[in-house]
Amino acid sequence: SVPFTKNNVQNRNRIYCPNKEISWLTVPVELKNHTSKPFTDMRISPEQIDWSLNYWNKLTFSYSKHPFFKLYKDDLNSILDKKHQYLVDLN
Protein backbone atom coordinates (compact mmCIF):
# COMPACT_ATOMS: atom_id res chain seq x y z
CA SER A 1 0.00 0.00 0.00
CA VAL A 2 3.04 2.31 -0.08
CA PRO A 3 2.57 4.96 -2.77
CA PHE A 4 5.00 5.07 -5.63
CA THR A 5 7.30 8.09 -5.67
CA LYS A 6 8.83 9.03 -9.00
CA ASN A 7 12.66 9.09 -9.15
CA ASN A 8 13.05 7.79 -5.65
CA VAL A 9 14.87 4.71 -4.36
CA GLN A 10 11.97 2.58 -5.55
CA ASN A 11 13.22 2.77 -9.13
CA ARG A 12 16.42 4.77 -8.92
CA ASN A 13 19.81 4.44 -7.27
CA ARG A 14 23.14 6.08 -7.60
CA ILE A 15 26.53 4.47 -7.93
CA TYR A 16 30.08 5.73 -7.88
CA CYS A 17 32.01 5.60 -11.12
CA PRO A 18 35.77 5.03 -11.35
CA ASN A 19 36.32 8.73 -12.03
CA LYS A 20 34.78 9.53 -8.61
CA GLU A 21 31.59 10.85 -10.17
CA ILE A 22 28.10 9.75 -9.29
CA SER A 23 25.94 8.04 -11.89
CA TRP A 24 22.24 7.29 -11.65
CA LEU A 25 20.73 3.91 -12.45
CA THR A 26 17.03 4.15 -13.22
CA VAL A 27 14.55 1.41 -13.91
CA PRO A 28 11.99 2.83 -16.36
CA VAL A 29 8.41 2.49 -15.20
CA GLU A 30 5.04 3.21 -16.75
CA LEU A 31 4.09 6.59 -15.33
CA LYS A 32 0.47 6.74 -16.46
CA ASN A 33 -1.58 7.48 -13.32
CA HIS A 34 1.48 6.83 -11.17
CA THR A 35 0.42 9.31 -8.51
CA SER A 36 -2.57 7.16 -7.62
CA LYS A 37 -0.83 3.77 -7.77
CA PRO A 38 0.77 1.87 -4.93
CA PHE A 39 4.33 0.70 -5.40
CA THR A 40 3.19 -2.91 -5.87
CA ASP A 41 1.22 -1.95 -9.00
CA MET A 42 4.05 -0.16 -10.80
CA ARG A 43 4.97 -1.89 -14.05
CA ILE A 44 8.40 -1.76 -15.61
CA SER A 45 8.12 -0.06 -18.96
CA PRO A 46 8.20 -2.67 -21.75
CA GLU A 47 9.26 -0.05 -24.31
CA GLN A 48 12.63 0.40 -22.64
CA ILE A 49 14.08 -2.94 -23.70
CA ASP A 50 17.77 -2.26 -23.05
CA TRP A 51 17.50 -0.72 -19.60
CA SER A 52 18.77 -3.84 -17.80
CA LEU A 53 21.73 -4.21 -20.14
CA ASN A 54 22.61 -0.56 -19.60
CA TYR A 55 22.24 -1.05 -15.85
CA TRP A 56 24.51 -4.11 -15.93
CA ASN A 57 27.14 -2.36 -18.06
CA LYS A 58 27.30 0.57 -15.67
CA LEU A 59 27.60 -1.73 -12.66
CA THR A 60 30.36 -3.72 -14.32
CA PHE A 61 32.23 -0.63 -15.42
CA SER A 62 32.01 0.93 -11.98
CA TYR A 63 32.63 -2.03 -9.73
CA SER A 64 34.48 -4.75 -11.65
CA LYS A 65 37.76 -3.93 -9.92
CA HIS A 66 36.29 -3.91 -6.44
CA PRO A 67 37.25 -6.91 -4.31
CA PHE A 68 33.75 -8.29 -3.75
CA PHE A 69 32.30 -7.75 -7.21
CA LYS A 70 33.27 -11.24 -8.38
CA LEU A 71 31.46 -12.70 -5.42
CA TYR A 72 28.13 -11.04 -6.31
CA LYS A 73 28.28 -10.46 -10.05
CA ASP A 74 26.54 -13.69 -11.07
CA ASP A 75 23.65 -13.05 -8.69
CA LEU A 76 23.30 -9.47 -9.86
CA ASN A 77 23.39 -10.52 -13.49
CA SER A 78 20.79 -13.19 -12.85
CA ILE A 79 18.44 -10.66 -11.25
CA LEU A 80 18.84 -8.16 -14.06
CA ASP A 81 18.54 -10.81 -16.73
CA LYS A 82 15.02 -11.78 -15.70
CA LYS A 83 12.18 -10.07 -17.50
CA HIS A 84 10.34 -8.64 -14.50
CA GLN A 85 6.98 -7.07 -15.23
CA TYR A 86 6.57 -5.28 -11.93
CA LEU A 87 9.02 -3.12 -10.09
CA VAL A 88 8.22 -4.83 -6.80
CA ASP A 89 9.40 -8.17 -8.25
CA LEU A 90 12.71 -6.70 -9.32
CA ASN A 91 13.24 -5.01 -5.98
Foldseek 3Di string as FASTA:
>chain_A
DAADDPPDPLFKDWDAAPVRDIDMQGFAWDCVVSRPDHLQPIFGDPVPPCSLVVVLVRCCRGPVPPPCCVVCVVVSCVLSVDDDTGSVSSD
